[in-house]
C-alpha atoms as a PDB file:
ATOM      1  CA  MET A   1     -30.797   7.552 -19.415  1.00  0.00           C
ATOM      2  CA  ALA A   2     -27.378   7.629 -17.742  1.00  0.00           C
ATOM      3  CA  LEU A   3     -24.370   8.093 -19.995  1.00  0.00           C
ATOM      4  CA  THR A   4     -21.687   5.424 -19.987  1.00  0.00           C
ATOM      5  CA  VAL A   5     -18.107   6.436 -19.203  1.00  0.00           C
ATOM      6  CA  ALA A   6     -17.142   5.740 -22.794  1.00  0.00           C
ATOM      7  CA  SER A   7     -19.794   8.076 -24.203  1.00  0.00           C
ATOM      8  CA  VAL A   8     -18.892  11.042 -21.995  1.00  0.00           C
ATOM      9  CA  ASN A   9     -15.675  11.583 -23.945  1.00  0.00           C
ATOM     10  CA  SER A  10     -15.418  12.784 -27.530  1.00  0.00           C
ATOM     11  CA  THR A  11     -13.794   9.503 -28.521  1.00  0.00           C
ATOM     12  CA  PRO A  12     -14.545   6.057 -27.103  1.00  0.00           C
ATOM     13  CA  GLN A  13     -12.007   4.720 -24.629  1.00  0.00           C
ATOM     14  CA  THR A  14      -9.926   1.714 -25.604  1.00  0.00           C
ATOM     15  CA  ILE A  15      -9.599  -1.379 -23.448  1.00  0.00           C
ATOM     16  CA  LEU A  16      -6.845  -3.928 -24.068  1.00  0.00           C
ATOM     17  CA  VAL A  17      -8.089  -7.416 -23.152  1.00  0.00           C
ATOM     18  CA  VAL A  18      -5.261  -9.863 -22.412  1.00  0.00           C
ATOM     19  CA  GLU A  19      -6.662 -13.393 -22.161  1.00  0.00           C
ATOM     20  CA  ASP A  20      -5.493 -16.648 -23.761  1.00  0.00           C
ATOM     21  CA  ASP A  21      -8.857 -18.389 -23.425  1.00  0.00           C
ATOM     22  CA  GLN A  22     -10.626 -17.414 -26.642  1.00  0.00           C
ATOM     23  CA  ALA A  23     -14.101 -18.023 -25.253  1.00  0.00           C
ATOM     24  CA  ILE A  24     -13.500 -15.781 -22.238  1.00  0.00           C
ATOM     25  CA  ALA A  25     -11.767 -13.125 -24.332  1.00  0.00           C
ATOM     26  CA  GLY A  26     -14.609 -13.141 -26.858  1.00  0.00           C
ATOM     27  CA  ALA A  27     -17.233 -12.758 -24.140  1.00  0.00           C
ATOM     28  CA  ILE A  28     -15.354  -9.857 -22.537  1.00  0.00           C
ATOM     29  CA  VAL A  29     -14.835  -8.094 -25.861  1.00  0.00           C
ATOM     30  CA  ALA A  30     -18.478  -8.510 -26.867  1.00  0.00           C
ATOM     31  CA  ARG A  31     -19.671  -7.022 -23.577  1.00  0.00           C
ATOM     32  CA  LEU A  32     -17.233  -4.108 -23.679  1.00  0.00           C
ATOM     33  CA  GLN A  33     -18.119  -3.249 -27.261  1.00  0.00           C
ATOM     34  CA  SER A  34     -21.810  -3.345 -26.387  1.00  0.00           C
ATOM     35  CA  GLU A  35     -21.044  -0.780 -23.669  1.00  0.00           C
ATOM     36  CA  GLY A  36     -19.407   1.573 -26.175  1.00  0.00           C
ATOM     37  CA  PHE A  37     -15.727   0.794 -25.626  1.00  0.00           C
ATOM     38  CA  LEU A  38     -13.162   0.115 -28.310  1.00  0.00           C
ATOM     39  CA  THR A  39     -11.179  -3.077 -27.748  1.00  0.00           C
ATOM     40  CA  GLU A  40      -7.838  -4.652 -28.563  1.00  0.00           C
ATOM     41  CA  VAL A  41      -7.019  -8.288 -27.780  1.00  0.00           C
ATOM     42  CA  ALA A  42      -3.776 -10.074 -26.943  1.00  0.00           C
ATOM     43  CA  SER A  43      -3.570 -13.805 -26.289  1.00  0.00           C
ATOM     44  CA  ASP A  44      -0.067 -14.077 -24.806  1.00  0.00           C
ATOM     45  CA  GLY A  45       2.169 -12.033 -22.570  1.00  0.00           C
ATOM     46  CA  LEU A  46       4.723 -10.770 -25.076  1.00  0.00           C
ATOM     47  CA  GLN A  47       2.005  -9.706 -27.513  1.00  0.00           C
ATOM     48  CA  ALA A  48       0.278  -7.881 -24.664  1.00  0.00           C
ATOM     49  CA  VAL A  49       3.387  -5.837 -23.830  1.00  0.00           C
ATOM     50  CA  GLU A  50       3.987  -4.936 -27.477  1.00  0.00           C
ATOM     51  CA  LEU A  51       0.369  -4.022 -28.125  1.00  0.00           C
ATOM     52  CA  CYS A  52      -0.020  -2.014 -24.938  1.00  0.00           C
ATOM     53  CA  LEU A  53       3.086   0.068 -25.562  1.00  0.00           C
ATOM     54  CA  ARG A  54       2.191   0.624 -29.212  1.00  0.00           C
ATOM     55  CA  ARG A  55      -1.527   1.372 -28.895  1.00  0.00           C
ATOM     56  CA  ARG A  56      -1.533   3.056 -25.459  1.00  0.00           C
ATOM     57  CA  PRO A  57      -4.982   1.840 -24.313  1.00  0.00           C
ATOM     58  CA  ASP A  58      -6.942   3.648 -21.618  1.00  0.00           C
ATOM     59  CA  LEU A  59      -7.058   0.502 -19.489  1.00  0.00           C
ATOM     60  CA  MET A  60      -5.829  -3.085 -19.593  1.00  0.00           C
ATOM     61  CA  VAL A  61      -7.841  -6.126 -18.465  1.00  0.00           C
ATOM     62  CA  LEU A  62      -5.053  -8.597 -17.740  1.00  0.00           C
ATOM     63  CA  ASP A  63      -5.266 -12.304 -17.005  1.00  0.00           C
ATOM     64  CA  VAL A  64      -2.549 -13.700 -14.740  1.00  0.00           C
ATOM     65  CA  MET A  65      -1.992 -17.079 -16.404  1.00  0.00           C
ATOM     66  CA  LEU A  66      -0.661 -16.455 -19.924  1.00  0.00           C
ATOM     67  CA  PRO A  67       1.645 -18.180 -22.427  1.00  0.00           C
ATOM     68  CA  GLY A  68       5.135 -16.739 -22.766  1.00  0.00           C
ATOM     69  CA  ILE A  69       5.313 -14.432 -19.760  1.00  0.00           C
ATOM     70  CA  ASP A  70       2.637 -14.272 -17.092  1.00  0.00           C
ATOM     71  CA  GLY A  71       0.413 -11.342 -16.256  1.00  0.00           C
ATOM     72  CA  TYR A  72       2.637 -10.211 -13.397  1.00  0.00           C
ATOM     73  CA  GLU A  73       5.593  -9.778 -15.753  1.00  0.00           C
ATOM     74  CA  VAL A  74       3.391  -8.106 -18.366  1.00  0.00           C
ATOM     75  CA  CYS A  75       2.237  -5.590 -15.765  1.00  0.00           C
ATOM     76  CA  ARG A  76       5.773  -5.002 -14.518  1.00  0.00           C
ATOM     77  CA  ARG A  77       7.171  -4.325 -18.012  1.00  0.00           C
ATOM     78  CA  VAL A  78       4.320  -2.082 -19.108  1.00  0.00           C
ATOM     79  CA  GLN A  79       4.207   0.013 -15.939  1.00  0.00           C
ATOM     80  CA  ALA A  80       7.958   0.613 -16.142  1.00  0.00           C
ATOM     81  CA  VAL A  81       7.565   2.280 -19.566  1.00  0.00           C
ATOM     82  CA  HIS A  82       4.026   3.616 -19.894  1.00  0.00           C
ATOM     83  CA  PRO A  83       1.850   3.352 -16.760  1.00  0.00           C
ATOM     84  CA  VAL A  84      -1.698   2.271 -17.571  1.00  0.00           C
ATOM     85  CA  PRO A  85      -4.622   1.364 -15.297  1.00  0.00           C
ATOM     86  CA  VAL A  86      -4.714  -2.423 -14.892  1.00  0.00           C
ATOM     87  CA  LEU A  87      -7.599  -4.622 -13.798  1.00  0.00           C
ATOM     88  CA  MET A  88      -6.109  -8.050 -13.179  1.00  0.00           C
ATOM     89  CA  LEU A  89      -8.066 -11.276 -13.601  1.00  0.00           C
ATOM     90  CA  THR A  90      -7.018 -14.220 -11.493  1.00  0.00           C
ATOM     91  CA  ALA A  91      -8.303 -17.725 -10.835  1.00  0.00           C
ATOM     92  CA  ARG A  92      -6.238 -17.835  -7.661  1.00  0.00           C
ATOM     93  CA  HIS A  93      -7.669 -17.031  -4.258  1.00  0.00           C
ATOM     94  CA  ASP A  94      -4.364 -16.966  -2.376  1.00  0.00           C
ATOM     95  CA  GLU A  95      -3.718 -13.597  -0.713  1.00  0.00           C
ATOM     96  CA  ASN A  96      -0.015 -13.706  -1.586  1.00  0.00           C
ATOM     97  CA  ASP A  97      -0.826 -14.008  -5.296  1.00  0.00           C
ATOM     98  CA  LEU A  98      -3.106 -10.978  -5.071  1.00  0.00           C
ATOM     99  CA  LEU A  99      -0.407  -8.980  -3.285  1.00  0.00           C
ATOM    100  CA  VAL A 100       2.078  -9.861  -6.015  1.00  0.00           C
ATOM    101  CA  GLY A 101      -0.309  -8.435  -8.591  1.00  0.00           C
ATOM    102  CA  LEU A 102      -0.757  -5.230  -6.622  1.00  0.00           C
ATOM    103  CA  GLY A 103       2.989  -5.047  -6.079  1.00  0.00           C
ATOM    104  CA  VAL A 104       3.797  -4.983  -9.800  1.00  0.00           C
ATOM    105  CA  GLY A 105       1.327  -2.225 -10.564  1.00  0.00           C
ATOM    106  CA  ALA A 106      -2.191  -3.648 -10.868  1.00  0.00           C
ATOM    107  CA  ASP A 107      -4.841  -1.173  -9.681  1.00  0.00           C
ATOM    108  CA  ASP A 108      -7.574  -3.682  -8.946  1.00  0.00           C
ATOM    109  CA  TYR A 109      -8.396  -7.334  -9.492  1.00  0.00           C
ATOM    110  CA  LEU A 110     -11.285  -9.685 -10.056  1.00  0.00           C
ATOM    111  CA  THR A 111     -11.286 -13.348  -9.127  1.00  0.00           C
ATOM    112  CA  LYS A 112     -12.722 -15.779 -11.660  1.00  0.00           C
ATOM    113  CA  PRO A 113     -15.512 -16.551 -12.206  1.00  0.00           C
ATOM    114  CA  PHE A 114     -16.989 -13.050 -12.397  1.00  0.00           C
ATOM    115  CA  SER A 115     -20.060 -11.519 -13.982  1.00  0.00           C
ATOM    116  CA  PRO A 116     -19.727  -9.325 -17.094  1.00  0.00           C
ATOM    117  CA  ARG A 117     -21.746  -6.678 -15.270  1.00  0.00           C
ATOM    118  CA  GLU A 118     -19.245  -6.592 -12.410  1.00  0.00           C
ATOM    119  CA  LEU A 119     -16.328  -6.418 -14.846  1.00  0.00           C
ATOM    120  CA  VAL A 120     -17.809  -3.413 -16.658  1.00  0.00           C
ATOM    121  CA  ALA A 121     -18.618  -1.697 -13.368  1.00  0.00           C
ATOM    122  CA  ARG A 122     -15.036  -2.154 -12.137  1.00  0.00           C
ATOM    123  CA  ILE A 123     -13.643  -0.824 -15.427  1.00  0.00           C
ATOM    124  CA  ARG A 124     -15.865   2.255 -15.296  1.00  0.00           C
ATOM    125  CA  ALA A 125     -14.985   2.885 -11.665  1.00  0.00           C
ATOM    126  CA  LEU A 126     -11.259   2.655 -12.387  1.00  0.00           C
ATOM    127  CA  LEU A 127     -11.543   4.996 -15.382  1.00  0.00           C
ATOM    128  CA  ARG A 128     -13.446   7.497 -13.228  1.00  0.00           C
ATOM    129  CA  ARG A 129     -10.655   7.373 -10.653  1.00  0.00           C
ATOM    130  CA  VAL A 130      -8.099   8.087 -13.368  1.00  0.00           C
ATOM    131  CA  GLU A 131     -10.101  11.099 -14.556  1.00  0.00           C
ATOM    132  CA  ARG A 132     -10.600  12.287 -10.994  1.00  0.00           C
ATOM    133  CA  GLY A 133      -6.863  12.034 -10.328  1.00  0.00           C
ATOM    134  CA  ALA A 134      -6.080  14.060 -13.435  1.00  0.00           C
ATOM    135  CA  ALA A 135      -8.326  16.828 -12.113  1.00  0.00           C
ATOM    136  CA  THR A 136      -6.440  17.208  -8.800  1.00  0.00           C
ATOM    137  CA  PRO A 137      -6.091  20.933  -7.949  1.00  0.00           C
ATOM    138  CA  VAL A 138      -2.629  22.393  -8.558  1.00  0.00           C
ATOM    139  CA  ALA A 139      -2.543  23.770  -5.011  1.00  0.00           C
ATOM    140  CA  ALA A 140      -3.097  20.375  -3.388  1.00  0.00           C
ATOM    141  CA  ALA A 141      -1.007  20.260  -0.198  1.00  0.00           C
ATOM    142  CA  VAL A 142       1.443  17.533   0.735  1.00  0.00           C
ATOM    143  CA  ILE A 143      -0.161  15.081   3.153  1.00  0.00           C
ATOM    144  CA  ARG A 144       1.926  13.542   5.927  1.00  0.00           C
ATOM    145  CA  ALA A 145       1.422  10.372   7.915  1.00  0.00           C
ATOM    146  CA  GLY A 146       4.367   9.903  10.238  1.00  0.00           C
ATOM    147  CA  GLU A 147       7.491   9.638   8.094  1.00  0.00           C
ATOM    148  CA  VAL A 148       5.387   9.145   4.936  1.00  0.00           C
ATOM    149  CA  CYS A 149       4.748  12.137   2.639  1.00  0.00           C
ATOM    150  CA  LEU A 150       2.177  12.035  -0.167  1.00  0.00           C
ATOM    151  CA  ASN A 151       2.088  14.711  -2.849  1.00  0.00           C
ATOM    152  CA  PRO A 152      -1.302  14.739  -4.630  1.00  0.00           C
ATOM    153  CA  LEU A 153       0.026  17.077  -7.342  1.00  0.00           C
ATOM    154  CA  ASP A 154       2.595  14.701  -8.840  1.00  0.00           C
ATOM    155  CA  ARG A 155       1.418  11.570  -6.987  1.00  0.00           C
ATOM    156  CA  ARG A 156       4.854  11.038  -5.504  1.00  0.00           C
ATOM    157  CA  VAL A 157       5.381   9.217  -2.222  1.00  0.00           C
ATOM    158  CA  THR A 158       8.377   9.191   0.098  1.00  0.00           C
ATOM    159  CA  ARG A 159       9.063   7.328   3.313  1.00  0.00           C
ATOM    160  CA  ALA A 160      11.814   8.848   5.466  1.00  0.00           C
ATOM    161  CA  GLY A 161      12.923  10.741   2.364  1.00  0.00           C
ATOM    162  CA  ALA A 162      13.176   7.658   0.120  1.00  0.00           C
ATOM    163  CA  ALA A 163      10.866   7.358  -2.880  1.00  0.00           C
ATOM    164  CA  VAL A 164       8.226   4.606  -2.751  1.00  0.00           C
ATOM    165  CA  GLU A 165       6.224   3.388  -5.728  1.00  0.00           C
ATOM    166  CA  LEU A 166       2.492   3.026  -5.085  1.00  0.00           C
ATOM    167  CA  THR A 167      -0.144   1.970  -7.577  1.00  0.00           C
ATOM    168  CA  ARG A 168      -2.865   4.455  -8.457  1.00  0.00           C
ATOM    169  CA  THR A 169      -5.324   2.777  -6.090  1.00  0.00           C
ATOM    170  CA  GLU A 170      -2.834   2.392  -3.241  1.00  0.00           C
ATOM    171  CA  PHE A 171      -2.051   6.097  -3.502  1.00  0.00           C
ATOM    172  CA  ASP A 172      -5.717   7.110  -3.524  1.00  0.00           C
ATOM    173  CA  LEU A 173      -6.470   4.882  -0.530  1.00  0.00           C
ATOM    174  CA  MET A 174      -3.516   6.190   1.476  1.00  0.00           C
ATOM    175  CA  VAL A 175      -4.366   9.827   0.701  1.00  0.00           C
ATOM    176  CA  TYR A 176      -7.989   9.288   1.675  1.00  0.00           C
ATOM    177  CA  LEU A 177      -7.028   7.828   5.062  1.00  0.00           C
ATOM    178  CA  ALA A 178      -4.111  10.156   5.806  1.00  0.00           C
ATOM    179  CA  ASP A 179      -6.167  13.250   4.972  1.00  0.00           C
ATOM    180  CA  ARG A 180      -8.711  12.183   7.617  1.00  0.00           C
ATOM    181  CA  PRO A 181      -6.435  10.949  10.425  1.00  0.00           C
ATOM    182  CA  GLN A 182      -9.041  10.995  13.184  1.00  0.00           C
ATOM    183  CA  ARG A 183     -11.666   8.953  11.345  1.00  0.00           C
ATOM    184  CA  VAL A 184     -12.259   5.224  11.158  1.00  0.00           C
ATOM    185  CA  PHE A 185     -13.790   3.900   7.954  1.00  0.00           C
ATOM    186  CA  THR A 186     -15.581   0.656   7.276  1.00  0.00           C
ATOM    187  CA  ARG A 187     -14.504  -1.385   4.268  1.00  0.00           C
ATOM    188  CA  GLU A 188     -17.795  -0.524   2.589  1.00  0.00           C
ATOM    189  CA  GLN A 189     -17.156   3.207   3.058  1.00  0.00           C
ATOM    190  CA  LEU A 190     -13.673   2.886   1.576  1.00  0.00           C
ATOM    191  CA  LEU A 191     -14.978   0.928  -1.404  1.00  0.00           C
ATOM    192  CA  ALA A 192     -17.499   3.656  -2.127  1.00  0.00           C
ATOM    193  CA  ALA A 193     -15.095   6.570  -1.624  1.00  0.00           C
ATOM    194  CA  VAL A 194     -11.861   5.252  -3.145  1.00  0.00           C
ATOM    195  CA  TRP A 195     -12.940   2.554  -5.567  1.00  0.00           C
ATOM    196  CA  ASP A 196     -16.258   4.182  -6.454  1.00  0.00           C
ATOM    197  CA  TRP A 197     -17.599   0.668  -6.076  1.00  0.00           C
ATOM    198  CA  PRO A 198     -20.133   0.380  -3.206  1.00  0.00           C
ATOM    199  CA  ASP A 199     -20.346  -3.414  -3.114  1.00  0.00           C
ATOM    200  CA  ALA A 200     -19.954  -5.139   0.227  1.00  0.00           C
ATOM    201  CA  ALA A 201     -19.029  -8.383  -1.556  1.00  0.00           C
ATOM    202  CA  ALA A 202     -15.704  -6.836  -2.597  1.00  0.00           C
ATOM    203  CA  THR A 203     -14.360  -5.965   0.862  1.00  0.00           C
ATOM    204  CA  ARG A 204     -11.464  -8.381   0.404  1.00  0.00           C
ATOM    205  CA  THR A 205     -10.127  -5.924  -2.164  1.00  0.00           C
ATOM    206  CA  VAL A 206      -9.728  -3.329   0.597  1.00  0.00           C
ATOM    207  CA  ASP A 207      -7.892  -5.797   2.835  1.00  0.00           C
ATOM    208  CA  SER A 208      -5.461  -6.713   0.048  1.00  0.00           C
ATOM    209  CA  HIS A 209      -4.619  -3.083  -0.657  1.00  0.00           C
ATOM    210  CA  VAL A 210      -4.115  -2.330   3.035  1.00  0.00           C
ATOM    211  CA  LYS A 211      -1.661  -5.235   3.270  1.00  0.00           C
ATOM    212  CA  ALA A 212       0.181  -3.905   0.217  1.00  0.00           C
ATOM    213  CA  LEU A 213       0.421  -0.441   1.805  1.00  0.00           C
ATOM    214  CA  ARG A 214       1.773  -1.888   5.032  1.00  0.00           C
ATOM    215  CA  ARG A 215       4.379  -3.871   3.154  1.00  0.00           C
ATOM    216  CA  LYS A 216       5.570  -0.761   1.269  1.00  0.00           C
ATOM    217  CA  LEU A 217       5.146   1.966   3.891  1.00  0.00           C
ATOM    218  CA  GLY A 218       5.440   0.185   7.227  1.00  0.00           C
ATOM    219  CA  ALA A 219       3.214  -2.013   9.338  1.00  0.00           C
ATOM    220  CA  GLY A 220       1.762   0.904  11.312  1.00  0.00           C
ATOM    221  CA  ILE A 221       0.794   3.121   8.390  1.00  0.00           C
ATOM    222  CA  VAL A 222      -2.815   1.856   8.487  1.00  0.00           C
ATOM    223  CA  ARG A 223      -4.512   0.887  11.750  1.00  0.00           C
ATOM    224  CA  THR A 224      -7.023  -1.942  11.964  1.00  0.00           C
ATOM    225  CA  VAL A 225      -9.929  -1.052  14.225  1.00  0.00           C
ATOM    226  CA  HIS A 226     -11.362  -4.457  15.007  1.00  0.00           C
ATOM    227  CA  GLY A 227     -15.039  -4.810  14.313  1.00  0.00           C
ATOM    228  CA  VAL A 228     -15.120  -1.541  12.361  1.00  0.00           C
ATOM    229  CA  GLY A 229     -12.485  -1.102   9.636  1.00  0.00           C
ATOM    230  CA  TYR A 230      -9.358   0.980   9.029  1.00  0.00           C
ATOM    231  CA  ALA A 231      -7.830   4.323   9.922  1.00  0.00           C
ATOM    232  CA  ALA A 232      -4.596   6.161   9.178  1.00  0.00           C
ATOM    233  CA  GLY A 233      -1.745   5.109  11.417  1.00  0.00           C
ATOM    234  CA  GLY A 234       1.405   7.085  10.873  1.00  0.00           C
ATOM    235  CA  THR A 235       3.925   4.948  12.689  1.00  0.00           C
ATOM    236  CA  SER A 236       6.236   2.436  11.102  1.00  0.00           C
END
């Protein structure tokens, strides 16, 4: 039987669930605990910030619509002090809302309604990416795409010498493309390689992250190959 992500480590990983709807929060917590995770729960934005900074969870499942301060502000405040992987939950389907979430530091998002199975799979995939990033070889070379430089060792990014803040997933996506400048990848291939989530139904996630990269690094940093997918650009 395959081991869960939580059981691979000596201690179970902790997930902070931030959701003001008690029924939804209870269902998420019950599923996560059944999968071997430890859980903490916050029902409003200010409590979420306090709890996240105090307990230092391994990952935060964060609803956008919250009492007090919304999920965007929660994410912004937490990431400024103690960066943590964030899976954002949103009932909105507007692309601009999704880009706002990615812009303040969310690594991935799910649109309500979603299945508990999909939620757990996304959490596990994100935790695997975190572990994979921590295991980056010390000798990893700086990767360049035009005026953009990506350093896999310290995960720093500059554009024309100026520092740029990318989320964990944006960085991984940009490195994957820039390190293979002659290749064109389908959305499904990128989901499998970067997100560790080979589900064709989630291709909109790739599009949202590409738009976020273009907004931060320049419109030409990722090329759209119509009818196929994306490739590294390198112009701005």
